[in-house]
Protein backbone atom coordinates (compact mmCIF):
# COMPACT_ATOMS: atom_id res chain seq x y z
CA MET A 1 -198.10 -199.45 55.57
CA PHE A 2 -200.03 -197.29 57.95
CA TYR A 3 -203.61 -198.58 58.03
CA GLN A 4 -205.77 -195.58 58.18
CA ILE A 5 -209.39 -196.27 59.02
CA LEU A 6 -212.09 -193.75 58.47
CA ILE A 7 -215.63 -194.66 59.24
CA HIS A 8 -218.35 -192.22 58.23
CA PHE A 9 -221.46 -192.56 60.39
CA SER A 10 -224.81 -190.94 60.11
CA LEU A 11 -228.52 -191.55 60.61
CA LEU A 12 -230.50 -192.43 57.59
CA THR A 13 -233.47 -190.24 56.99
CA THR A 14 -236.24 -189.97 54.32
CA SER A 15 -238.57 -187.09 53.59
CA ARG A 16 -241.86 -188.84 52.81
CA ALA A 17 -243.78 -191.78 53.76
CA LYS A 18 -246.22 -194.02 52.03
CA ASP A 19 -248.23 -196.96 53.48
CA TYR A 20 -248.22 -200.30 51.85
CA SER A 21 -249.68 -203.55 53.09
CA GLY A 22 -246.75 -205.55 54.52
CA SER A 23 -244.19 -202.85 54.21
CA TYR A 24 -242.95 -199.82 56.08
CA VAL A 25 -241.42 -196.64 54.96
CA MET A 26 -239.19 -194.67 57.27
CA ALA A 27 -240.49 -191.37 58.42
CA ASN A 28 -240.16 -189.00 61.42
CA SER A 29 -242.49 -190.56 63.87
CA ILE A 30 -242.64 -188.33 66.72
CA ASP A 31 -241.05 -185.06 67.73
CA LEU A 32 -238.90 -186.35 70.47
CA ASN A 33 -236.95 -183.90 72.54
CA VAL A 34 -234.15 -185.42 74.51
CA LYS A 35 -232.14 -183.27 76.93
CA GLN A 36 -228.63 -184.90 77.42
CA GLY A 37 -226.49 -184.36 80.59
CA GLU A 38 -222.76 -183.95 80.60
CA PRO A 39 -220.89 -187.19 79.66
CA THR A 40 -218.75 -188.88 82.33
CA ARG A 41 -216.26 -191.87 82.01
CA VAL A 42 -216.72 -195.14 83.64
CA GLN A 43 -213.63 -197.21 84.42
CA PRO A 44 -213.49 -200.85 85.80
CA ALA A 45 -214.33 -201.06 89.48
CA GLU A 46 -211.01 -202.81 90.14
CA GLU A 47 -207.45 -202.76 88.79
CA THR A 48 -207.28 -204.49 85.43
CA GLU A 49 -204.52 -205.65 82.99
CA LYS A 50 -202.35 -203.01 81.33
CA GLY A 51 -200.86 -202.92 77.90
CA PRO A 52 -202.01 -203.55 74.31
CA TYR A 53 -204.86 -205.98 73.70
CA PHE A 54 -204.63 -208.04 70.34
CA LEU A 55 -207.54 -207.97 67.88
CA SER A 56 -207.73 -210.84 65.41
CA ASN A 57 -208.00 -210.44 61.61
CA LEU A 58 -211.73 -211.27 61.95
CA ASP A 59 -212.12 -208.10 64.15
CA GLN A 60 -210.16 -205.94 61.69
CA ASN A 61 -212.72 -205.88 58.87
CA ILE A 62 -215.90 -205.16 60.82
CA ALA A 63 -214.63 -201.94 62.79
CA VAL A 64 -217.88 -200.12 62.65
CA PRO A 65 -220.03 -198.55 65.37
CA VAL A 66 -223.31 -200.50 66.04
CA ARG A 67 -226.12 -198.62 67.86
CA THR A 68 -228.89 -200.36 69.48
CA VAL A 69 -231.76 -199.23 71.96
CA TYR A 70 -233.56 -201.24 74.67
CA CYS A 71 -236.88 -199.82 76.09
CA PHE A 72 -237.90 -200.77 79.65
CA LYS A 73 -240.82 -200.05 81.94
CA SER A 74 -242.05 -201.70 85.04
CA ALA A 75 -245.35 -201.60 86.87
CA SER A 76 -243.69 -201.83 90.19
CA ARG A 77 -240.45 -199.75 89.80
CA GLY A 78 -239.84 -196.23 88.65
CA ASN A 79 -236.92 -194.95 86.67
CA GLU A 80 -235.45 -192.71 89.36
CA ASP A 81 -232.38 -194.96 90.08
CA ALA A 82 -232.07 -196.64 86.64
CA ALA A 83 -228.99 -194.60 85.70
CA ARG A 84 -227.22 -195.29 88.89
CA VAL A 85 -227.97 -198.99 88.83
CA ILE A 86 -226.78 -199.42 85.31
CA LYS A 87 -223.67 -197.33 85.73
CA ASP A 88 -222.54 -199.06 88.86
CA ALA A 89 -223.18 -202.48 87.16
CA LEU A 90 -221.08 -201.18 84.10
CA SER A 91 -218.19 -200.40 86.40
CA LYS A 92 -218.37 -203.99 87.81
CA ILE A 93 -218.67 -205.76 84.49
CA LEU A 94 -215.85 -203.92 82.96
CA VAL A 95 -213.47 -205.69 85.38
CA PRO A 96 -213.82 -209.10 83.55
CA TYR A 97 -214.46 -207.35 80.14
CA TYR A 98 -211.84 -204.71 80.71
CA PRO A 99 -210.86 -204.23 76.98
CA MET A 100 -214.12 -202.51 76.55
CA ALA A 101 -212.81 -199.58 78.68
CA GLY A 102 -209.68 -199.44 76.48
CA THR A 103 -208.82 -197.13 73.69
CA LEU A 104 -208.62 -198.06 70.15
CA ILE A 105 -205.27 -197.33 68.48
CA ILE A 106 -203.19 -198.38 65.32
CA SER A 107 -200.28 -200.78 66.07
CA SER A 108 -196.73 -200.55 64.47
CA GLU A 109 -198.08 -203.40 62.05
CA GLY A 110 -200.88 -201.11 60.89
CA LYS A 111 -203.60 -202.98 62.57
CA LEU A 112 -206.28 -202.06 65.17
CA ILE A 113 -205.36 -203.00 68.77
CA VAL A 114 -206.72 -201.82 72.11
CA ASP A 115 -204.63 -199.82 74.58
CA ASN A 116 -205.25 -200.44 78.31
CA PRO A 117 -206.00 -198.94 80.58
CA GLY A 118 -208.14 -196.66 78.30
CA GLU A 119 -210.24 -193.62 79.13
CA GLY A 120 -213.17 -195.87 79.90
CA ALA A 121 -216.75 -196.16 78.56
CA VAL A 122 -218.77 -192.97 78.03
CA PHE A 123 -221.89 -192.62 80.16
CA VAL A 124 -224.65 -189.96 79.76
CA GLU A 125 -228.07 -189.46 81.57
CA ALA A 126 -230.78 -187.83 79.56
CA GLU A 127 -234.51 -186.83 79.97
CA ALA A 128 -237.20 -187.11 77.27
CA ASN A 129 -240.33 -185.09 76.88
CA CYS A 130 -242.79 -187.85 76.29
CA ASN A 131 -244.00 -191.41 77.31
CA ILE A 132 -241.91 -194.41 76.31
CA GLU A 133 -244.82 -195.96 74.39
CA GLU A 134 -244.53 -193.15 71.68
CA ILE A 135 -241.36 -194.63 70.44
CA ARG A 136 -243.27 -197.52 68.94
CA ASP A 137 -242.01 -200.71 67.42
CA LEU A 138 -238.21 -200.86 67.05
CA ALA A 139 -238.48 -203.58 64.64
CA LYS A 140 -239.15 -200.71 62.20
CA PRO A 141 -236.36 -198.28 63.14
CA HIS A 142 -236.90 -194.56 63.05
CA PRO A 143 -233.33 -193.19 62.98
CA ASP A 144 -234.34 -189.51 63.44
CA THR A 145 -236.08 -190.49 66.77
CA LEU A 146 -233.90 -193.22 68.05
CA GLY A 147 -230.71 -191.59 67.27
CA LYS A 148 -231.46 -189.14 70.10
CA LEU A 149 -231.36 -192.00 72.45
CA VAL A 150 -227.76 -193.00 71.78
CA TYR A 151 -225.04 -190.64 72.64
CA ASN A 152 -222.52 -189.68 69.73
CA VAL A 153 -219.34 -188.01 70.58
CA PRO A 154 -219.32 -184.54 69.12
CA GLY A 155 -216.65 -183.95 66.35
CA ALA A 156 -215.50 -187.48 66.19
CA ARG A 157 -214.33 -187.94 62.65
CA ASN A 158 -213.56 -191.83 62.70
CA ILE A 159 -213.48 -194.78 65.05
CA LEU A 160 -210.15 -193.83 66.56
CA GLU A 161 -211.74 -190.72 67.92
CA MET A 162 -214.75 -192.64 69.33
CA PRO A 163 -214.89 -194.65 72.52
CA LEU A 164 -215.35 -198.27 72.25
CA MET A 165 -218.57 -198.00 74.15
CA THR A 166 -221.07 -195.25 74.86
CA VAL A 167 -224.00 -195.53 77.17
CA GLN A 168 -227.17 -193.36 77.37
CA VAL A 169 -229.84 -193.88 79.93
CA THR A 170 -232.78 -191.70 78.96
CA ARG A 171 -235.70 -191.40 81.45
CA PHE A 172 -239.34 -190.83 80.14
CA LYS A 173 -242.16 -189.02 81.80
CA CYS A 174 -244.14 -192.24 82.32
CA GLY A 175 -241.46 -193.83 84.46
CA GLY A 176 -239.95 -195.89 81.67
CA PHE A 177 -236.38 -195.40 80.42
CA THR A 178 -234.22 -196.45 77.44
CA LEU A 179 -230.78 -197.87 77.29
CA GLY A 180 -228.94 -196.61 74.21
CA LEU A 181 -225.63 -198.43 73.24
CA CYS A 182 -222.95 -197.70 70.75
CA MET A 183 -220.33 -200.39 70.69
CA ASN A 184 -217.62 -200.90 67.96
CA HIS A 185 -218.18 -204.24 66.04
CA CYS A 186 -214.48 -204.97 66.11
CA MET A 187 -214.72 -205.88 69.84
CA LYS A 188 -217.44 -208.44 69.48
CA ASP A 189 -219.83 -210.16 67.17
CA GLY A 190 -223.58 -210.25 67.79
CA LEU A 191 -223.63 -213.42 70.01
CA CYS A 192 -220.75 -212.13 72.11
CA ALA A 193 -222.43 -208.75 72.38
CA MET A 194 -225.59 -210.32 73.84
CA GLU A 195 -223.44 -212.32 76.36
CA PHE A 196 -221.73 -209.02 77.36
CA VAL A 197 -225.02 -207.03 77.70
CA ASN A 198 -226.91 -209.88 79.50
CA ALA A 199 -223.99 -210.42 81.92
CA TRP A 200 -224.06 -206.71 82.67
CA SER A 201 -227.80 -206.86 83.34
CA GLU A 202 -227.41 -209.86 85.63
CA THR A 203 -224.58 -207.96 87.48
CA ALA A 204 -227.22 -205.11 87.93
CA ARG A 205 -229.55 -207.58 89.67
CA GLY A 206 -226.74 -208.81 91.95
CA LEU A 207 -226.06 -212.06 90.23
CA ASP A 208 -222.70 -213.68 89.61
CA LEU A 209 -221.03 -213.93 86.28
CA LYS A 210 -222.13 -217.15 84.70
CA ILE A 211 -219.51 -217.60 82.12
CA PRO A 212 -216.33 -215.48 82.39
CA PRO A 213 -215.27 -214.11 79.11
CA PHE A 214 -212.34 -215.93 77.28
CA LEU A 215 -210.14 -213.06 76.30
CA ASN A 216 -207.29 -214.71 74.30
CA ARG A 217 -207.95 -213.84 70.63
CA THR A 218 -204.51 -215.15 69.51
CA ILE A 219 -206.11 -218.58 69.26
CA ILE A 220 -207.35 -217.38 65.70
CA LYS A 221 -204.23 -215.35 64.67
CA ALA A 222 -202.84 -215.66 61.35
CA ARG A 223 -200.64 -218.50 60.68
CA ASN A 224 -196.79 -218.16 60.07
CA PRO A 225 -196.22 -218.26 57.27
CA PRO A 226 -199.65 -217.43 55.93
CA LYS A 227 -201.28 -220.14 53.96
CA ILE A 228 -204.02 -219.13 51.54
CA GLU A 229 -205.74 -222.27 50.32
CA PHE A 230 -209.02 -220.82 48.75
CA GLN A 231 -210.01 -218.25 46.24
CA HIS A 232 -212.08 -216.08 48.58
CA ASN A 233 -214.47 -214.32 46.23
CA GLU A 234 -215.80 -212.32 49.04
CA PHE A 235 -212.90 -209.88 48.25
CA GLU A 236 -213.34 -209.91 44.47
CA GLU A 237 -214.00 -206.73 42.77
CA ILE A 238 -216.97 -206.85 40.40
CA LYS A 239 -217.42 -204.56 37.47
CA ASP A 240 -220.74 -202.66 37.58
CA VAL A 241 -221.83 -203.40 34.00
CA SER A 242 -225.46 -202.62 34.79
CA ASN A 243 -224.38 -199.07 36.02
CA THR A 244 -226.50 -199.40 39.36
CA LYS A 245 -224.36 -196.77 40.77
CA LYS A 246 -226.27 -194.23 38.49
CA LEU A 247 -229.52 -195.43 39.89
CA TYR A 248 -228.42 -194.79 43.50
CA GLU A 249 -227.04 -191.28 42.55
CA GLU A 250 -230.16 -190.12 40.73
CA GLU A 251 -233.06 -191.37 42.76
CA ASN A 252 -234.17 -191.03 46.39
CA MET A 253 -233.57 -193.94 48.77
CA LEU A 254 -236.62 -195.62 50.28
CA TYR A 255 -236.06 -197.69 53.39
CA ARG A 256 -238.82 -200.34 54.32
CA SER A 257 -239.38 -203.47 56.32
CA PHE A 258 -241.24 -206.47 55.03
CA PHE A 259 -242.89 -208.98 57.49
CA PHE A 260 -242.60 -212.68 57.06
CA ASP A 261 -244.65 -214.70 59.43
CA PRO A 262 -244.22 -218.44 60.02
CA GLU A 263 -246.79 -219.31 57.32
CA LYS A 264 -244.86 -217.21 54.81
CA LEU A 265 -241.67 -218.65 55.69
CA ASP A 266 -242.97 -222.09 55.38
CA LEU A 267 -244.23 -221.32 51.90
CA LEU A 268 -240.80 -220.04 50.94
CA LYS A 269 -239.10 -223.29 52.10
CA LYS A 270 -241.77 -225.31 50.15
CA LYS A 271 -241.09 -223.20 47.07
CA ALA A 272 -237.50 -223.77 47.42
CA THR A 273 -237.78 -227.60 47.51
CA GLU A 274 -240.84 -228.19 45.15
CA ASP A 275 -238.69 -229.03 42.18
CA GLY A 276 -236.83 -231.76 43.95
CA VAL A 277 -233.35 -230.48 43.64
CA LEU A 278 -233.20 -229.89 47.27
CA LYS A 279 -234.58 -232.23 49.88
CA LYS A 280 -234.90 -229.58 52.62
CA CYS A 281 -233.61 -226.08 53.40
CA SER A 282 -233.38 -223.79 56.44
CA THR A 283 -235.50 -220.64 56.95
CA PHE A 284 -232.39 -218.46 56.45
CA GLU A 285 -231.42 -220.25 53.23
CA ALA A 286 -234.93 -219.84 51.66
CA LEU A 287 -235.44 -216.20 52.64
CA SER A 288 -231.99 -215.23 51.70
CA GLY A 289 -232.27 -216.88 48.38
CA PHE A 290 -235.67 -215.16 47.84
CA VAL A 291 -234.51 -211.71 48.68
CA TRP A 292 -231.31 -212.04 46.77
CA ARG A 293 -233.20 -212.81 43.55
CA ALA A 294 -235.78 -210.07 44.18
CA ARG A 295 -233.24 -207.41 44.85
CA THR A 296 -231.27 -208.37 41.76
CA ALA A 297 -234.42 -208.26 39.71
CA ALA A 298 -235.45 -204.78 41.31
CA LEU A 299 -232.13 -203.15 40.51
CA SER A 300 -232.51 -204.41 36.83
CA MET A 301 -229.14 -206.00 36.62
CA GLN A 302 -228.04 -207.02 33.28
CA PRO A 303 -228.00 -210.81 32.52
CA ASP A 304 -224.18 -210.87 32.27
CA GLN A 305 -223.76 -208.91 35.58
CA GLN A 306 -221.84 -210.84 38.19
CA THR A 307 -223.72 -210.61 41.43
CA LYS A 308 -222.40 -211.54 44.83
CA LEU A 309 -224.04 -212.55 48.12
CA LEU A 310 -222.22 -212.21 51.31
CA PHE A 311 -223.30 -213.35 54.78
CA ALA A 312 -221.57 -214.31 58.08
CA VAL A 313 -221.37 -217.81 59.39
CA ASP A 314 -220.70 -218.48 63.00
CA GLY A 315 -217.41 -220.14 63.21
CA ARG A 316 -217.47 -221.22 67.01
CA SER A 317 -218.21 -224.79 66.25
CA ARG A 318 -216.39 -225.08 62.89
CA PHE A 319 -212.89 -224.20 64.09
CA VAL A 320 -210.77 -227.11 65.19
CA PRO A 321 -210.56 -227.07 68.00
CA PRO A 322 -213.88 -225.31 68.52
CA ILE A 323 -213.79 -221.81 69.97
CA PRO A 324 -214.16 -221.84 73.79
CA GLU A 325 -217.30 -220.98 75.49
CA GLY A 326 -217.47 -217.28 76.44
CA TYR A 327 -215.05 -216.19 73.51
CA PHE A 328 -214.81 -212.50 73.64
CA GLY A 329 -214.42 -211.24 70.10
CA ASN A 330 -215.59 -211.84 66.45
CA ALA A 331 -215.95 -215.55 65.62
CA ILE A 332 -217.90 -214.86 62.58
CA VAL A 333 -216.52 -215.47 59.02
CA LEU A 334 -217.87 -214.04 55.79
CA THR A 335 -218.78 -216.52 53.09
CA ASN A 336 -220.12 -215.85 49.56
CA SER A 337 -222.16 -216.95 46.56
CA LEU A 338 -221.24 -215.57 43.10
CA CYS A 339 -223.14 -216.03 39.90
CA LYS A 340 -224.54 -213.96 36.87
CA ALA A 341 -227.73 -212.11 37.43
CA GLY A 342 -229.27 -213.85 34.49
CA GLU A 343 -228.58 -217.30 35.89
CA LEU A 344 -230.04 -216.21 39.34
CA LEU A 345 -233.33 -215.04 37.74
CA LYS A 346 -234.03 -217.60 35.14
CA ASN A 347 -233.53 -220.55 37.46
CA PRO A 348 -235.97 -221.51 40.16
CA LEU A 349 -235.59 -220.53 43.90
CA SER A 350 -233.87 -223.93 44.43
CA PHE A 351 -230.84 -222.61 42.45
CA SER A 352 -230.04 -219.60 44.67
CA VAL A 353 -230.78 -221.53 47.81
CA GLY A 354 -228.44 -224.25 46.58
CA LEU A 355 -225.72 -221.65 46.15
CA ILE A 356 -226.24 -220.42 49.61
CA ARG A 357 -226.08 -224.04 51.04
CA LYS A 358 -222.77 -224.53 49.20
CA ALA A 359 -221.45 -221.24 50.67
CA ILE A 360 -222.33 -222.49 54.16
CA ASP A 361 -220.88 -225.91 53.72
CA MET A 362 -217.64 -224.25 52.48
CA VAL A 363 -216.99 -222.65 55.83
CA THR A 364 -214.60 -225.18 57.39
CA ASP A 365 -211.58 -224.75 59.63
CA SER A 366 -209.35 -224.60 56.66
CA TYR A 367 -211.43 -222.09 54.90
CA MET A 368 -211.68 -219.76 57.95
CA ARG A 369 -207.92 -219.94 58.60
CA SER A 370 -207.32 -219.33 54.86
CA ALA A 371 -209.49 -216.15 55.21
CA ILE A 372 -207.62 -214.96 58.15
CA ASP A 373 -204.31 -215.44 56.47
CA TYR A 374 -205.68 -213.91 53.23
CA PHE A 375 -206.32 -210.68 55.13
CA GLU A 376 -202.84 -210.85 56.68
CA VAL A 377 -201.27 -210.91 53.28
CA THR A 378 -203.53 -208.51 51.35
CA ARG A 379 -205.23 -206.33 54.00
CA ALA A 380 -208.15 -206.48 51.54
CA ARG A 381 -211.74 -205.57 52.30
CA PRO A 382 -214.82 -207.29 50.91
CA SER A 383 -215.96 -205.55 47.68
CA LEU A 384 -219.56 -204.42 47.75
CA THR A 385 -220.14 -203.60 44.03
CA ALA A 386 -223.20 -205.55 42.73
CA THR A 387 -223.25 -207.26 46.05
CA LEU A 388 -225.91 -208.01 48.70
CA LEU A 389 -224.72 -208.46 52.42
CA ILE A 390 -227.19 -210.14 54.55
CA THR A 391 -226.91 -209.60 58.22
CA THR A 392 -229.11 -211.68 60.58
CA TRP A 393 -229.88 -210.76 64.11
CA THR A 394 -232.60 -213.48 64.50
CA ARG A 395 -230.57 -215.49 66.83
CA LEU A 396 -229.73 -212.46 69.21
CA SER A 397 -231.44 -212.50 72.55
CA PHE A 398 -232.27 -208.87 72.80
CA HIS A 399 -235.61 -209.71 74.54
CA THR A 400 -233.78 -211.44 77.63
CA THR A 401 -231.89 -208.43 78.91
CA ASP A 402 -233.25 -207.60 82.43
CA PHE A 403 -231.36 -204.81 84.50
CA GLY A 404 -234.04 -205.24 87.24
CA TRP A 405 -237.08 -203.71 85.43
CA GLY A 406 -238.01 -206.84 83.57
CA GLU A 407 -237.52 -207.68 80.01
CA PRO A 408 -237.51 -205.05 77.36
CA LEU A 409 -240.66 -203.73 76.02
CA CYS A 410 -238.85 -203.74 72.71
CA SER A 411 -235.31 -203.46 71.48
CA GLY A 412 -233.36 -203.25 68.17
CA PRO A 413 -230.99 -201.21 65.98
CA VAL A 414 -231.06 -197.44 65.67
CA THR A 415 -230.15 -197.26 61.91
CA LEU A 416 -231.46 -199.11 58.92
CA PRO A 417 -228.80 -200.76 56.72
CA GLU A 418 -226.65 -199.07 54.13
CA LYS A 419 -227.53 -199.55 50.43
CA GLU A 420 -225.65 -203.02 50.19
CA VAL A 421 -227.28 -204.52 53.32
CA ILE A 422 -230.38 -206.38 54.20
CA LEU A 423 -231.02 -206.94 57.79
CA PHE A 424 -233.13 -209.74 59.23
CA LEU A 425 -234.73 -209.21 62.56
CA SER A 426 -236.78 -211.64 64.61
CA HIS A 427 -240.31 -210.32 65.53
CA GLY A 428 -243.13 -211.25 67.77
CA GLN A 429 -243.17 -212.69 71.23
CA GLU A 430 -242.23 -216.20 70.13
CA ARG A 431 -239.51 -214.70 67.76
CA LYS A 432 -240.67 -217.00 64.98
CA SER A 433 -241.57 -214.11 62.51
CA ILE A 434 -238.81 -212.21 60.65
CA ASN A 435 -238.65 -208.48 59.56
CA VAL A 436 -236.58 -207.93 56.50
CA LEU A 437 -235.19 -204.40 56.41
CA LEU A 438 -233.43 -202.71 53.45
CA GLY A 439 -232.98 -199.60 51.33
CA LEU A 440 -233.38 -199.26 47.57
CA PRO A 441 -233.75 -196.46 44.98
CA SER A 442 -237.40 -195.54 44.67
CA SER A 443 -237.93 -197.10 41.44
CA ALA A 444 -236.28 -200.37 42.52
CA MET A 445 -238.21 -200.47 45.74
CA GLU A 446 -241.51 -200.33 43.78
CA ILE A 447 -240.43 -203.44 41.80
CA PHE A 448 -239.03 -205.08 45.06
CA GLU A 449 -242.36 -204.57 46.85
CA VAL A 450 -244.35 -206.37 44.09
CA LEU A 451 -241.92 -209.36 44.23
CA MET A 452 -242.34 -209.57 48.14
CA MET A 453 -245.93 -210.06 47.50
CA GLN A 454 -245.25 -213.17 45.35
CA VAL A 455 -245.06 -215.55 48.21
């Protein structure tokens, strides 16, 4: 069966803003005028391998473009040669990471693969009409503004018509510049993406590649014959008995971020263990359990409504044998917790945190290979009805990228999550605080905000 993939991408916007303590509402922050030059293609500096490049089943399910922006400004170096340095380094780093210059196509088996050599990465130079400080804090994305700093291919209707990578270097009047990236998630997970970007930046500074990428993704290919050993509720279709779909259709969406400093995070962990059911829990477990309960309550789900939590677990050390260092690709596996909304809300925080702990412990080598085989047989995609998908970027080293102008002033995603997604971003110089970003219908957001204050 031909596997047609259509990814609709747009920048999220809202029309009004209202200030609340501890929360942030998206709004147009500044009238940023960016003049883009003509796009060019960047090929690897040397000859690379030709032919199809295999993508695993873990890559197939997350074939979406991810946009990020890095802001740089140096007191000792202007931005005149920023585009040249970054472009030259890109050509060099695309030699070991040559699939990033390839072209995404559909194989005869109906799966995504990369055709090499491809057309190359797209590179654009641009000029902005203001100082870089006016972009403000990227922990609270402004899609209207930041979207102008990442190049989008005109007329591209789906990911097959988009390059695997676009790069835009935008110079600002003050001597600073931004690096706007759009890369397809099917090529790499967050940790791998950071390894790639940091290796690229080190190449720009004349340093040698520390860890060559391990390109062989067939080490996690489906078994023959496939062997499905688990139920895999992450793919289960849930009936929307609460009719939350109507709420999303009838009300305006509000997008906000909620700030959790180390003190608040410690309070959550204490609250999750105060009844003695759990002896300890991680920050991720406590925060995820808290926001899952709060979002369920805010959406006024019926007590008998099944609700699902999805989140990714890094499988690198969990596979047997472990994934090699420098693995180039997605090594994350979705796991899940499933229960009725009434159970989730009537029980203490330890209940939801306990479900999350079990979901993490469930991710073994057998479970991951079963998930890979499940997709091989069914080609199913995770269902998102009555579901919360938590994506955490708290382990990603955005702040260490240095192309020769020092570490970024700030960095982060361009767009806020879709309606089923909550994003965790690390915040502050010591990276110990977390910003929780999400969107909800206006009436649900009012309830969610009140619940966020109950820490």
